[in-house]
N, C-alpha and C. Protein backbone atom coordinates (compact mmCIF):
# COMPACT_ATOMS: atom_id res chain seq x y z
N MET A 1 -16.29 -5.23 19.30
CA MET A 1 -15.16 -4.82 19.82
C MET A 1 -14.93 -3.52 20.02
N ARG A 2 -14.02 -3.04 21.02
CA ARG A 2 -13.75 -1.63 21.12
C ARG A 2 -12.31 -1.81 21.33
N LEU A 3 -11.94 -0.64 20.48
CA LEU A 3 -9.96 -0.99 20.34
C LEU A 3 -10.08 0.86 20.93
N PRO A 4 -8.97 0.89 21.45
CA PRO A 4 -8.51 2.24 21.98
C PRO A 4 -8.55 3.55 20.96
N ASN A 5 -9.36 4.45 21.29
CA ASN A 5 -9.66 5.29 20.51
C ASN A 5 -8.84 6.54 20.73
N SER A 6 -7.80 5.97 20.58
CA SER A 6 -6.00 6.91 20.65
C SER A 6 -5.14 7.37 19.09
N ILE A 7 -4.97 8.11 18.51
CA ILE A 7 -4.76 8.51 17.11
C ILE A 7 -3.11 7.37 17.55
N GLY A 8 -2.38 7.94 19.34
CA GLY A 8 -1.26 7.53 19.39
C GLY A 8 -0.83 5.57 19.08
N ALA A 9 -2.21 5.26 19.93
CA ALA A 9 -2.20 3.80 19.55
C ALA A 9 -2.36 3.35 18.02
N ALA A 10 -3.56 3.60 17.26
CA ALA A 10 -3.34 3.57 16.12
C ALA A 10 -2.45 3.38 15.09
N LEU A 11 -1.61 4.56 15.38
CA LEU A 11 -0.07 4.96 14.71
C LEU A 11 0.55 3.93 14.70
N VAL A 12 0.85 3.56 16.13
CA VAL A 12 1.80 2.57 16.66
C VAL A 12 1.50 0.92 16.07
N TRP A 13 -0.21 0.98 16.53
CA TRP A 13 -1.03 -0.55 15.64
C TRP A 13 -0.58 -0.80 13.66
N ARG A 14 -0.57 0.77 13.33
CA ARG A 14 -0.54 0.87 11.57
C ARG A 14 1.47 0.49 11.17
N TYR A 15 2.10 1.04 12.03
CA TYR A 15 3.29 0.99 11.83
C TYR A 15 4.26 -0.55 12.23
N ALA A 16 3.41 -0.88 13.29
CA ALA A 16 3.70 -2.49 13.31
C ALA A 16 3.13 -3.35 12.17
N CYS A 17 2.28 -3.18 12.42
CA CYS A 17 1.65 -4.02 10.71
C CYS A 17 2.86 -3.99 9.83
N HIS A 18 2.93 -2.59 9.17
CA HIS A 18 3.62 -2.69 8.22
C HIS A 18 5.21 -2.99 8.17
N GLY A 19 6.09 -3.27 9.70
CA GLY A 19 7.03 -3.28 9.35
C GLY A 19 6.70 -4.90 9.37
N LEU A 20 6.06 -5.44 10.01
CA LEU A 20 5.67 -7.06 9.78
C LEU A 20 5.54 -7.52 8.43
N MET A 21 4.46 -6.72 7.81
CA MET A 21 4.40 -6.98 6.29
C MET A 21 5.99 -6.82 5.22
N LEU A 22 6.51 -5.78 6.34
CA LEU A 22 7.52 -5.87 5.12
C LEU A 22 8.95 -7.11 5.36
N GLY A 23 8.71 -7.24 6.79
CA GLY A 23 9.53 -8.53 7.00
C GLY A 23 8.91 -9.93 6.31
N LEU A 24 7.69 -10.12 6.18
CA LEU A 24 7.16 -11.36 5.17
C LEU A 24 7.75 -11.04 3.87
N ALA A 25 7.39 -10.00 2.93
CA ALA A 25 7.90 -9.95 1.69
C ALA A 25 9.58 -9.64 1.87
N LEU A 26 10.05 -9.50 2.33
CA LEU A 26 11.64 -9.20 2.56
C LEU A 26 11.81 -10.65 2.70
N ALA A 27 11.40 -11.78 3.38
CA ALA A 27 11.88 -13.32 3.70
C ALA A 27 11.63 -13.81 1.98
N ASN A 28 10.20 -13.36 1.17
CA ASN A 28 9.82 -14.31 0.79
C ASN A 28 11.09 -13.98 -0.88
N GLU A 29 11.31 -11.97 -0.79
CA GLU A 29 12.55 -11.93 -2.17
C GLU A 29 13.17 -13.17 -1.94
N ALA A 30 13.88 -14.44 -1.13
CA ALA A 30 15.16 -14.82 -1.72
C ALA A 30 14.29 -16.39 -2.36
N ARG A 31 13.28 -16.25 -2.50
CA ARG A 31 12.62 -17.23 -3.36
C ARG A 31 12.53 -17.34 -4.61
N PRO A 32 13.35 -18.09 -5.35
CA PRO A 32 12.82 -17.56 -7.10
C PRO A 32 11.66 -18.08 -7.58
N ALA A 33 11.11 -17.06 -8.51
CA ALA A 33 10.08 -16.44 -8.71
C ALA A 33 9.88 -16.80 -10.15
N PRO A 34 8.67 -16.76 -11.18
CA PRO A 34 8.39 -16.66 -12.69
C PRO A 34 8.05 -15.07 -12.74
N SER A 35 8.09 -14.42 -13.59
CA SER A 35 7.46 -13.54 -14.42
C SER A 35 6.54 -13.51 -15.01
N LEU A 36 5.69 -12.61 -15.06
CA LEU A 36 4.51 -13.07 -16.00
C LEU A 36 4.39 -12.31 -16.92
N PRO A 37 3.26 -12.63 -18.00
CA PRO A 37 3.35 -11.84 -19.59
C PRO A 37 1.81 -10.56 -18.71
N ASP A 38 1.71 -9.65 -19.19
CA ASP A 38 1.02 -8.50 -18.92
C ASP A 38 0.96 -7.60 -20.26
N ARG A 39 -0.40 -7.40 -20.39
CA ARG A 39 -0.98 -7.03 -21.81
C ARG A 39 -1.03 -5.61 -21.90
N VAL A 40 -1.30 -5.20 -20.42
CA VAL A 40 -1.45 -3.46 -19.92
C VAL A 40 -0.43 -3.19 -19.63
N LEU A 41 0.67 -3.76 -19.02
CA LEU A 41 2.17 -3.03 -19.05
C LEU A 41 3.09 -2.96 -20.40
N ASP A 42 2.37 -4.28 -21.37
CA ASP A 42 3.33 -4.26 -22.86
C ASP A 42 2.22 -2.97 -23.12
N ALA A 43 1.64 -2.80 -23.31
CA ALA A 43 1.04 -1.50 -23.93
C ALA A 43 1.03 0.17 -23.62
N LEU A 44 2.13 -0.45 -22.36
CA LEU A 44 2.50 1.18 -22.07
C LEU A 44 3.38 1.83 -21.68
N PRO A 45 4.12 2.61 -21.87
CA PRO A 45 5.58 2.82 -21.41
C PRO A 45 5.94 3.15 -20.10
N TYR A 46 7.21 2.75 -20.23
CA TYR A 46 7.87 2.52 -19.04
C TYR A 46 8.88 4.02 -18.71
N VAL A 47 8.27 4.36 -17.44
CA VAL A 47 8.61 6.35 -17.16
C VAL A 47 10.00 6.38 -16.43
N GLU A 48 11.37 6.19 -16.27
CA GLU A 48 12.06 5.59 -15.66
C GLU A 48 11.76 6.79 -14.32
N TRP A 49 11.49 8.09 -14.76
CA TRP A 49 11.68 8.83 -13.38
C TRP A 49 10.54 8.76 -12.64
N ILE A 50 9.60 8.38 -12.69
CA ILE A 50 8.15 7.65 -12.14
C ILE A 50 8.39 6.68 -11.24
N ALA A 51 9.13 5.90 -11.67
CA ALA A 51 9.52 4.27 -10.99
C ALA A 51 10.67 4.68 -10.20
N ARG A 52 11.56 5.70 -10.56
CA ARG A 52 12.98 6.58 -9.24
C ARG A 52 11.94 7.13 -7.75
N TYR A 53 11.06 7.88 -8.52
CA TYR A 53 10.09 8.83 -7.65
C TYR A 53 9.07 8.11 -6.96
N ASN A 54 8.87 6.78 -7.21
CA ASN A 54 7.33 6.26 -7.13
C ASN A 54 6.67 6.48 -5.08
N TYR A 55 7.72 6.18 -4.78
CA TYR A 55 7.43 5.95 -2.71
C TYR A 55 7.25 7.73 -2.99
N HIS A 56 8.12 8.63 -3.17
CA HIS A 56 7.72 10.35 -2.92
C HIS A 56 6.20 10.64 -3.65
N LEU A 57 6.04 10.45 -4.68
CA LEU A 57 4.94 10.47 -5.64
C LEU A 57 3.71 9.68 -4.50
N TRP A 58 4.02 8.69 -4.28
CA TRP A 58 2.06 8.00 -3.61
C TRP A 58 2.33 9.03 -2.16
N ILE A 59 3.54 9.25 -1.36
CA ILE A 59 3.47 10.41 -0.20
C ILE A 59 2.50 11.51 -0.08
N ALA A 60 3.05 12.02 -1.51
CA ALA A 60 2.24 13.45 -1.87
C ALA A 60 0.63 12.99 -1.85
N ALA A 61 0.46 12.40 -2.83
CA ALA A 61 -1.15 12.08 -2.95
C ALA A 61 -1.71 11.59 -1.53
N TYR A 62 -1.18 10.54 -0.78
CA TYR A 62 -1.55 10.10 0.61
C TYR A 62 -1.49 11.07 1.76
N LEU A 63 -0.36 11.56 2.02
CA LEU A 63 -0.16 11.49 3.17
C LEU A 63 -1.05 13.37 3.59
N PRO A 64 -1.34 14.28 2.29
CA PRO A 64 -2.29 15.26 2.70
C PRO A 64 -3.11 14.91 3.06
N VAL A 65 -4.26 14.06 2.24
CA VAL A 65 -5.25 13.47 2.46
C VAL A 65 -5.96 12.95 3.68
N ALA A 66 -4.42 12.31 4.10
CA ALA A 66 -5.03 11.69 5.70
C ALA A 66 -4.87 12.57 6.26
N LEU A 67 -4.02 13.79 6.63
CA LEU A 67 -4.13 14.41 7.18
C LEU A 67 -5.33 15.71 7.57
N TRP A 68 -5.38 15.63 6.30
CA TRP A 68 -7.00 16.40 6.46
C TRP A 68 -8.23 15.66 6.92
N LEU A 69 -7.94 14.20 6.56
CA LEU A 69 -9.22 13.54 7.21
C LEU A 69 -9.21 13.42 8.71
N TRP A 70 -7.95 13.56 9.07
CA TRP A 70 -7.72 13.51 10.50
C TRP A 70 -8.25 14.82 10.92
N ARG A 71 -8.18 15.98 10.36
CA ARG A 71 -8.82 17.22 11.08
C ARG A 71 -10.27 17.24 10.55
N ALA A 72 -11.14 16.51 9.45
CA ALA A 72 -12.29 16.55 9.70
C ALA A 72 -13.14 15.73 10.26
N ASP A 73 -12.49 14.36 10.45
CA ASP A 73 -12.77 13.38 11.45
C ASP A 73 -12.37 12.47 12.26
N ARG A 74 -12.30 12.95 13.46
CA ARG A 74 -10.87 11.64 13.87
C ARG A 74 -11.30 10.70 13.87
N ALA A 75 -12.66 10.25 14.35
CA ALA A 75 -12.62 9.04 14.25
C ALA A 75 -12.82 8.13 13.22
N ALA A 76 -13.33 8.56 12.27
CA ALA A 76 -12.79 8.03 10.70
C ALA A 76 -11.58 7.83 10.89
N PHE A 77 -10.18 8.73 10.58
CA PHE A 77 -9.13 8.73 10.55
C PHE A 77 -8.30 7.04 11.63
N VAL A 78 -9.00 7.57 13.10
CA VAL A 78 -8.91 6.14 13.58
C VAL A 78 -8.82 4.85 13.26
N HIS A 79 -9.65 5.32 12.66
CA HIS A 79 -10.79 3.58 12.32
C HIS A 79 -9.86 3.37 10.94
N PHE A 80 -9.54 3.88 9.99
CA PHE A 80 -8.78 4.22 9.18
C PHE A 80 -7.50 3.36 9.08
N LEU A 81 -7.01 4.17 10.15
CA LEU A 81 -5.33 3.37 10.33
C LEU A 81 -5.43 2.23 10.98
N TYR A 82 -6.62 1.48 11.94
CA TYR A 82 -6.66 0.17 12.34
C TYR A 82 -6.84 -0.58 11.44
N VAL A 83 -7.65 -0.34 10.22
CA VAL A 83 -7.67 -1.19 9.49
C VAL A 83 -6.77 -1.12 8.14
N GLY A 84 -6.08 0.20 7.53
CA GLY A 84 -4.76 0.10 6.99
C GLY A 84 -3.78 -1.15 7.73
N GLY A 85 -3.82 -1.12 8.96
CA GLY A 85 -2.93 -2.42 9.47
C GLY A 85 -3.44 -3.66 9.28
N VAL A 86 -4.87 -3.75 9.29
CA VAL A 86 -5.41 -4.91 8.76
C VAL A 86 -4.50 -5.33 7.21
N MET A 87 -4.74 -4.69 6.17
CA MET A 87 -4.50 -4.47 5.05
C MET A 87 -3.01 -4.70 4.74
N SER A 88 -2.28 -4.56 5.45
CA SER A 88 -0.95 -4.50 5.34
C SER A 88 -0.64 -6.59 6.23
N LEU A 89 -1.42 -6.38 7.37
CA LEU A 89 -1.28 -8.09 7.50
C LEU A 89 -1.53 -8.74 6.17
N LEU A 90 -2.47 -8.40 5.71
CA LEU A 90 -2.90 -9.03 4.46
C LEU A 90 -2.07 -9.30 3.65
N ARG A 91 -1.53 -7.73 3.50
CA ARG A 91 -0.49 -8.12 2.14
C ARG A 91 0.47 -9.13 2.12
N GLY A 92 1.20 -8.80 3.66
CA GLY A 92 2.08 -9.55 4.00
C GLY A 92 2.11 -11.58 4.36
N LEU A 93 0.90 -11.49 3.99
CA LEU A 93 0.66 -13.20 3.64
C LEU A 93 0.39 -13.59 2.09
N CYS A 94 -0.60 -12.61 1.69
CA CYS A 94 -0.69 -12.52 0.18
C CYS A 94 0.39 -12.41 -0.77
N VAL A 95 1.38 -11.99 -0.32
CA VAL A 95 2.75 -11.62 -1.34
C VAL A 95 3.24 -13.00 -1.58
N PRO A 96 4.05 -13.74 -0.09
CA PRO A 96 4.39 -15.18 0.11
C PRO A 96 3.93 -16.68 -0.51
N LEU A 97 2.12 -16.11 -0.68
CA LEU A 97 1.36 -17.10 -0.86
C LEU A 97 0.66 -17.13 -2.84
N THR A 98 1.42 -15.77 -3.04
CA THR A 98 1.17 -15.77 -4.96
C THR A 98 2.57 -16.04 -5.31
N GLY A 99 3.71 -15.69 -4.44
CA GLY A 99 5.15 -15.84 -5.42
C GLY A 99 5.67 -15.61 -6.48
N LEU A 100 5.01 -14.07 -7.19
CA LEU A 100 4.97 -13.57 -8.27
C LEU A 100 6.60 -13.40 -8.22
N GLY A 101 7.30 -13.43 -9.45
CA GLY A 101 8.27 -12.71 -10.08
C GLY A 101 8.29 -11.03 -10.46
N PRO A 102 9.47 -10.83 -10.68
CA PRO A 102 9.43 -9.50 -10.60
C PRO A 102 8.75 -8.63 -12.13
N SER A 103 8.09 -7.57 -11.58
CA SER A 103 7.41 -7.30 -12.74
C SER A 103 8.58 -6.50 -13.65
N LEU A 104 9.43 -6.67 -13.59
CA LEU A 104 10.14 -5.25 -14.38
C LEU A 104 11.53 -6.03 -14.25
N GLY A 105 12.50 -6.61 -14.87
CA GLY A 105 13.45 -7.10 -14.31
C GLY A 105 13.85 -8.70 -14.54
N ALA A 106 14.67 -8.80 -14.16
CA ALA A 106 15.44 -10.32 -13.88
C ALA A 106 15.26 -10.23 -12.39
N ASP A 107 15.25 -11.63 -12.11
CA ASP A 107 14.87 -12.00 -10.15
C ASP A 107 16.21 -11.84 -9.45
N VAL A 108 17.21 -10.97 -9.08
CA VAL A 108 18.08 -10.62 -8.82
C VAL A 108 18.41 -10.87 -7.22
N ASN A 109 17.18 -11.20 -6.24
CA ASN A 109 17.23 -11.29 -5.20
C ASN A 109 16.85 -12.70 -4.73
N ALA A 110 16.48 -13.78 -5.87
CA ALA A 110 16.66 -14.81 -5.49
C ALA A 110 17.57 -15.81 -4.75
N GLY A 111 17.71 -16.21 -3.69
CA GLY A 111 19.09 -16.58 -3.29
C GLY A 111 19.24 -16.22 -1.87
N LEU A 112 18.84 -14.93 -1.51
CA LEU A 112 19.24 -13.70 -1.14
C LEU A 112 19.60 -14.18 0.50
N ASP A 113 20.95 -13.86 1.54
CA ASP A 113 21.39 -14.61 2.79
C ASP A 113 20.79 -13.66 3.77
N PRO A 114 20.01 -14.98 4.87
CA PRO A 114 19.40 -14.04 5.68
C PRO A 114 19.85 -12.63 6.29
N ALA A 115 21.51 -12.53 6.28
CA ALA A 115 21.87 -11.43 7.18
C ALA A 115 22.28 -10.10 6.06
N THR A 116 21.38 -10.34 5.00
CA THR A 116 21.63 -9.22 3.61
C THR A 116 19.90 -8.74 4.32
N LEU A 117 18.91 -9.90 4.24
CA LEU A 117 17.67 -9.80 4.50
C LEU A 117 17.27 -8.99 5.71
N TRP A 118 18.18 -9.35 6.64
CA TRP A 118 17.87 -8.20 7.64
C TRP A 118 18.17 -6.92 7.74
N ALA A 119 19.19 -6.59 6.94
CA ALA A 119 19.91 -5.26 6.99
C ALA A 119 19.17 -4.51 6.19
N ALA A 120 18.73 -5.22 4.94
CA ALA A 120 17.29 -4.69 4.06
C ALA A 120 16.23 -4.04 4.91
N TRP A 121 15.36 -5.00 5.70
CA TRP A 121 14.59 -4.91 6.88
C TRP A 121 14.19 -3.38 7.71
N GLY A 122 15.71 -3.24 8.17
CA GLY A 122 16.22 -2.32 8.82
C GLY A 122 16.29 -0.67 8.34
N ALA A 123 16.53 -1.18 6.82
CA ALA A 123 16.43 -0.12 6.02
C ALA A 123 15.39 0.65 5.41
N VAL A 124 14.68 0.07 4.89
CA VAL A 124 13.27 0.14 4.22
C VAL A 124 12.45 0.15 5.64
N LEU A 125 12.60 -0.62 6.62
CA LEU A 125 11.51 0.49 7.69
C LEU A 125 11.71 1.61 8.25
N ASN A 126 12.53 2.25 8.01
CA ASN A 126 12.86 3.51 8.55
C ASN A 126 12.67 4.23 6.98
N PRO A 127 11.21 5.18 7.82
CA PRO A 127 11.03 6.24 6.32
C PRO A 127 11.68 7.17 6.33
N LEU A 128 12.88 7.42 6.19
CA LEU A 128 13.74 8.60 6.18
C LEU A 128 14.86 7.52 4.84
N SER A 129 15.70 6.55 5.65
CA SER A 129 16.47 5.85 4.64
C SER A 129 15.23 5.24 3.31
N THR A 130 14.01 4.58 3.29
CA THR A 130 13.11 4.50 2.41
C THR A 130 13.31 5.44 1.40
N LEU A 131 13.10 6.88 1.62
CA LEU A 131 12.76 8.06 0.81
C LEU A 131 13.98 8.08 0.22
N THR A 132 15.50 8.33 1.01
CA THR A 132 16.46 9.04 0.58
C THR A 132 17.42 7.73 -0.02
N GLY A 133 17.49 6.65 -0.03
CA GLY A 133 17.72 5.52 -0.43
C GLY A 133 17.49 5.02 -1.20
N ASP A 134 18.10 3.70 -1.65
CA ASP A 134 17.96 2.67 -2.82
C ASP A 134 17.20 1.22 -2.57
N GLY A 135 17.27 1.16 -1.22
CA GLY A 135 17.11 -0.01 -0.16
C GLY A 135 15.62 -1.25 -1.34
N ALA A 136 14.27 -0.01 -0.89
CA ALA A 136 13.28 -0.41 -1.39
C ALA A 136 13.23 -0.55 -2.86
N HIS A 137 13.69 -0.18 -3.64
CA HIS A 137 14.14 -0.43 -5.02
C HIS A 137 14.52 -1.63 -5.48
N VAL A 138 15.89 -2.17 -4.66
CA VAL A 138 16.73 -2.57 -4.75
C VAL A 138 16.14 -4.29 -4.14
N HIS A 139 16.00 -4.18 -2.93
CA HIS A 139 15.56 -5.34 -2.04
C HIS A 139 13.63 -5.76 -1.92
N LEU A 140 13.19 -5.05 -2.70
CA LEU A 140 11.73 -5.28 -2.70
C LEU A 140 11.66 -5.35 -4.37
N THR A 141 11.25 -6.75 -4.74
CA THR A 141 11.11 -6.49 -6.12
C THR A 141 9.95 -7.57 -6.77
N LYS A 142 9.57 -8.18 -5.09
CA LYS A 142 7.98 -9.52 -5.24
C LYS A 142 7.45 -9.20 -4.37
N ASP A 143 7.41 -7.64 -3.83
CA ASP A 143 6.21 -7.87 -3.12
C ASP A 143 4.74 -6.82 -4.23
N LEU A 144 4.15 -8.13 -4.85
CA LEU A 144 3.58 -7.89 -5.48
C LEU A 144 2.04 -7.66 -5.28
N PHE A 145 1.66 -9.18 -5.01
CA PHE A 145 0.06 -9.06 -4.85
C PHE A 145 -0.35 -9.02 -3.43
N PHE A 146 -0.64 -8.08 -3.47
CA PHE A 146 -1.71 -6.79 -4.00
C PHE A 146 -0.92 -5.73 -3.65
N SER A 147 -1.02 -4.97 -4.59
CA SER A 147 -0.51 -3.32 -4.71
C SER A 147 -0.78 -2.78 -3.49
N GLY A 148 0.22 -2.68 -2.60
CA GLY A 148 -0.17 -1.66 -1.77
C GLY A 148 -0.27 -0.40 -1.52
N HIS A 149 0.29 0.65 -3.05
CA HIS A 149 0.31 1.87 -3.24
C HIS A 149 -1.69 2.06 -3.61
N THR A 150 -1.90 1.29 -4.17
CA THR A 150 -3.54 1.15 -4.56
C THR A 150 -4.42 0.97 -3.55
N ALA A 151 -4.02 -0.11 -2.77
CA ALA A 151 -4.91 -0.26 -1.52
C ALA A 151 -4.58 0.83 -0.74
N THR A 152 -3.59 1.21 -0.52
CA THR A 152 -3.71 2.32 0.79
C THR A 152 -5.04 3.43 0.37
N THR A 153 -4.39 3.79 -1.33
CA THR A 153 -5.20 5.22 -1.52
C THR A 153 -6.68 4.52 -1.68
N CYS A 154 -6.66 3.98 -2.23
CA CYS A 154 -8.36 3.46 -2.33
C CYS A 154 -9.22 3.10 -0.66
N LEU A 155 -8.46 2.73 -0.02
CA LEU A 155 -8.82 2.61 1.64
C LEU A 155 -9.25 4.24 1.91
N LEU A 156 -8.38 4.75 1.95
CA LEU A 156 -8.40 6.27 2.22
C LEU A 156 -9.46 7.16 1.19
N TRP A 157 -9.69 6.46 0.06
CA TRP A 157 -10.96 7.00 -0.79
C TRP A 157 -11.90 6.50 -0.08
N LEU A 158 -12.28 5.56 0.42
CA LEU A 158 -13.31 4.61 1.08
C LEU A 158 -13.77 5.54 2.07
N TYR A 159 -12.75 5.98 3.03
CA TYR A 159 -12.89 6.88 4.11
C TYR A 159 -13.75 8.35 3.69
N CYS A 160 -12.96 8.82 2.90
CA CYS A 160 -13.05 10.01 2.45
C CYS A 160 -13.84 10.24 1.34
N ARG A 161 -14.81 9.58 0.63
CA ARG A 161 -15.92 9.74 0.01
C ARG A 161 -16.75 10.31 0.82
N GLY A 162 -17.93 10.98 -0.23
CA GLY A 162 -18.90 11.69 0.93
C GLY A 162 -18.74 12.92 1.59
N ARG A 163 -17.24 13.45 1.26
CA ARG A 163 -17.23 14.75 2.17
C ARG A 163 -16.43 15.56 1.12
N PRO A 164 -17.51 16.67 0.53
CA PRO A 164 -16.88 17.81 -0.58
C PRO A 164 -15.36 18.24 -0.43
N GLY A 165 -14.91 17.65 -1.64
CA GLY A 165 -13.39 18.50 -2.12
C GLY A 165 -12.65 17.07 -1.15
N LEU A 166 -12.73 16.58 -0.04
CA LEU A 166 -11.84 15.82 0.48
C LEU A 166 -12.33 14.39 -0.14
N GLY A 167 -13.46 14.35 -0.34
CA GLY A 167 -13.50 13.09 -1.40
C GLY A 167 -12.74 13.23 -2.37
N THR A 168 -13.13 14.33 -3.36
CA THR A 168 -12.66 14.47 -4.77
C THR A 168 -11.14 14.52 -4.90
N ALA A 169 -10.43 15.07 -3.66
CA ALA A 169 -8.83 14.84 -3.63
C ALA A 169 -8.39 13.43 -3.64
N ALA A 170 -9.13 12.88 -2.41
CA ALA A 170 -8.98 11.39 -2.36
C ALA A 170 -8.54 10.43 -3.27
N LEU A 171 -9.89 10.68 -4.56
CA LEU A 171 -10.22 10.01 -5.64
C LEU A 171 -8.98 10.92 -6.81
N LEU A 172 -8.54 11.75 -6.81
CA LEU A 172 -7.61 12.15 -7.63
C LEU A 172 -6.50 11.54 -7.02
N GLY A 173 -5.84 11.46 -5.86
CA GLY A 173 -5.13 10.95 -5.32
C GLY A 173 -4.78 9.59 -5.72
N HIS A 174 -5.74 8.73 -5.48
CA HIS A 174 -5.77 7.50 -5.84
C HIS A 174 -5.75 7.04 -7.49
N VAL A 175 -6.45 7.49 -8.47
CA VAL A 175 -5.77 7.57 -9.83
C VAL A 175 -4.66 7.86 -10.29
N ALA A 176 -4.53 8.86 -9.53
CA ALA A 176 -2.71 9.69 -9.80
C ALA A 176 -1.83 8.08 -9.61
N VAL A 177 -2.17 7.57 -8.27
CA VAL A 177 -1.35 6.46 -7.66
C VAL A 177 -1.22 5.09 -8.59
N VAL A 178 -2.29 5.38 -9.08
CA VAL A 178 -2.68 3.51 -10.39
C VAL A 178 -1.86 3.87 -11.17
N ALA A 179 -1.83 5.54 -12.16
CA ALA A 179 -1.12 5.81 -13.11
C ALA A 179 0.10 5.61 -12.84
N VAL A 180 0.96 6.03 -11.47
CA VAL A 180 2.65 5.75 -11.18
C VAL A 180 2.72 4.34 -10.92
N VAL A 181 1.60 3.18 -10.40
CA VAL A 181 2.71 1.77 -10.29
C VAL A 181 2.35 1.00 -11.75
N PHE A 182 0.96 2.02 -12.54
CA PHE A 182 1.43 1.00 -14.18
C PHE A 182 3.01 1.65 -15.06
N LEU A 183 2.75 3.02 -14.97
CA LEU A 183 3.93 3.78 -15.86
C LEU A 183 5.34 2.73 -15.09
N SER A 184 5.59 2.97 -13.85
CA SER A 184 6.93 2.55 -13.23
C SER A 184 6.82 1.37 -13.35
N ARG A 185 5.66 0.49 -13.90
CA ARG A 185 6.25 -0.95 -13.85
C ARG A 185 6.13 -1.96 -12.38
N LEU A 186 5.52 -1.14 -11.06
CA LEU A 186 5.37 -1.65 -10.25
C LEU A 186 5.05 -2.84 -9.92
N HIS A 187 4.25 -2.87 -10.40
CA HIS A 187 2.79 -4.32 -10.31
C HIS A 187 2.63 -4.44 -11.62
N TYR A 188 1.59 -5.90 -11.59
CA TYR A 188 1.21 -6.52 -12.31
C TYR A 188 -0.39 -6.05 -12.35
N SER A 189 -0.99 -6.14 -13.65
CA SER A 189 -1.93 -5.87 -13.69
C SER A 189 -2.88 -6.40 -12.56
N ILE A 190 -2.32 -7.64 -12.41
CA ILE A 190 -3.71 -8.03 -11.20
C ILE A 190 -3.39 -8.14 -10.40
N ASP A 191 -2.28 -7.58 -9.92
CA ASP A 191 -1.90 -6.69 -8.10
C ASP A 191 -2.85 -5.53 -8.08
N VAL A 192 -2.99 -4.78 -8.91
CA VAL A 192 -3.74 -3.41 -8.71
C VAL A 192 -5.42 -3.92 -8.89
N ILE A 193 -5.97 -4.72 -9.40
CA ILE A 193 -7.54 -5.46 -9.35
C ILE A 193 -7.43 -6.27 -8.38
N GLY A 194 -6.04 -6.73 -7.71
CA GLY A 194 -6.92 -7.48 -6.49
C GLY A 194 -6.50 -6.47 -5.29
N ALA A 195 -6.12 -5.54 -5.68
CA ALA A 195 -5.78 -4.41 -4.53
C ALA A 195 -7.00 -3.80 -4.34
N TRP A 196 -8.15 -3.55 -5.41
CA TRP A 196 -8.95 -3.05 -5.32
C TRP A 196 -10.48 -3.66 -4.93
N ALA A 197 -10.24 -5.06 -4.80
CA ALA A 197 -11.27 -6.30 -5.00
C ALA A 197 -11.27 -6.40 -3.17
N ILE A 198 -9.53 -6.49 -2.81
CA ILE A 198 -9.56 -7.18 -0.97
C ILE A 198 -9.95 -5.48 -0.40
N THR A 199 -9.51 -4.64 -1.34
CA THR A 199 -9.68 -3.84 0.11
C THR A 199 -11.04 -3.22 -0.02
N PHE A 200 -11.80 -3.03 -0.89
CA PHE A 200 -13.33 -2.46 -0.80
C PHE A 200 -14.27 -3.86 0.38
N THR A 201 -13.67 -5.40 0.00
CA THR A 201 -14.32 -6.14 0.82
C THR A 201 -14.01 -6.17 1.75
N VAL A 202 -12.91 -5.84 2.56
CA VAL A 202 -12.28 -5.95 3.84
C VAL A 202 -13.33 -4.27 4.58
N PHE A 203 -12.88 -3.48 3.88
CA PHE A 203 -13.55 -1.86 4.35
C PHE A 203 -15.26 -2.50 4.40
N THR A 204 -15.44 -3.21 3.35
CA THR A 204 -17.32 -3.27 3.87
C THR A 204 -17.56 -4.02 4.62
N LEU A 205 -16.94 -5.15 4.93
CA LEU A 205 -17.25 -6.18 6.21
C LEU A 205 -16.56 -5.63 7.35
N VAL A 206 -16.16 -4.79 7.70
CA VAL A 206 -15.69 -4.05 8.70
C VAL A 206 -16.54 -2.89 9.33
N ASP A 207 -17.03 -2.12 7.94
CA ASP A 207 -17.82 -1.58 8.12
C ASP A 207 -19.19 -1.94 9.03
N ARG A 208 -19.62 -2.83 8.26
CA ARG A 208 -20.74 -3.57 8.68
C ARG A 208 -20.61 -3.82 10.24
N ARG A 209 -19.81 -4.23 10.31
CA ARG A 209 -19.52 -5.14 11.75
C ARG A 209 -19.00 -4.32 12.59
N TRP A 210 -18.40 -3.10 12.57
CA TRP A 210 -17.34 -2.36 13.31
C TRP A 210 -17.75 -1.08 12.58
N PRO A 211 -19.03 -0.31 12.35
CA PRO A 211 -19.10 1.27 11.70
C PRO A 211 -18.71 2.38 13.06
N ILE A 212 -18.15 3.15 12.05
CA ILE A 212 -17.66 4.44 12.43
C ILE A 212 -18.74 5.56 12.74
N ALA A 213 -18.02 5.86 14.03
CA ALA A 213 -19.24 6.97 14.63
C ALA A 213 -19.08 7.92 13.98
N THR A 214 -19.51 8.20 12.62
CA THR A 214 -19.14 9.67 11.81
C THR A 214 -20.02 10.47 11.62
N THR A 215 -19.20 11.77 11.69
CA THR A 215 -20.37 13.05 11.02
C THR A 215 -20.93 13.57 10.02
N PHE A 216 -20.25 12.39 8.54
CA PHE A 216 -20.63 12.94 7.64
C PHE A 216 -21.26 11.73 6.61
N ALA A 217 -22.38 11.95 5.78
CA ALA A 217 -22.55 10.49 5.16
C ALA A 217 -22.00 9.69 4.19
N ARG A 218 -22.00 8.41 3.67
CA ARG A 218 -20.73 8.45 3.15
C ARG A 218 -21.92 8.38 1.77
N GLY A 219 -20.92 8.76 0.43
CA GLY A 219 -22.07 8.99 -0.83
C GLY A 219 -21.24 9.22 -2.09
N ALA A 220 -21.69 9.09 -3.45
CA ALA A 220 -20.64 9.95 -4.21
C ALA A 220 -19.54 10.73 -3.80
N PRO A 221 -18.34 10.56 -4.28
CA PRO A 221 -17.56 11.68 -3.67
C PRO A 221 -17.37 13.48 -4.80
């Protein structure tokens, strides 16, 4: 299978998949769902400022490393964007299939009307409003299985590993983001474990079937 070897095409694909995933996740918000007990979350403190700035912290760990990958290996970066889109689509399907309730607080979005959900989709689809407003915090409370924060940074590390400096930065960013996920009560433990399992499986299957013409060997970071 040959895909357009274009940064622009890959970015459009990645963002379109992200938008579709958000739509599926928001549609799921209207469905009542039970919350689950979680031993890991019970053992850890909740840090309010981390919860408030979790998207900013994710971007700080994700974006610079992704841009570094682009500079280091354009082919790997394009491949990463296409596979990232596939991961978004999988997540959009998994969220309504699992139907988990909020990992923090009450199920306040159960029964939301379509007009409210449509307006929320427009707000969270816009990166600027997501970072400066409360739309994601208010309207995305049940987009749980699997963790997008964990999956995106794990996938980035899988593409960066084997290159000195870049692999280490990606791994450290991933570990930091997982800590953010737990300390902000953003996900259940199973959402993080599921993200690791699904991300590694998808990456391995795609890499075997459609390998990257890359200039560096994969190995330990």
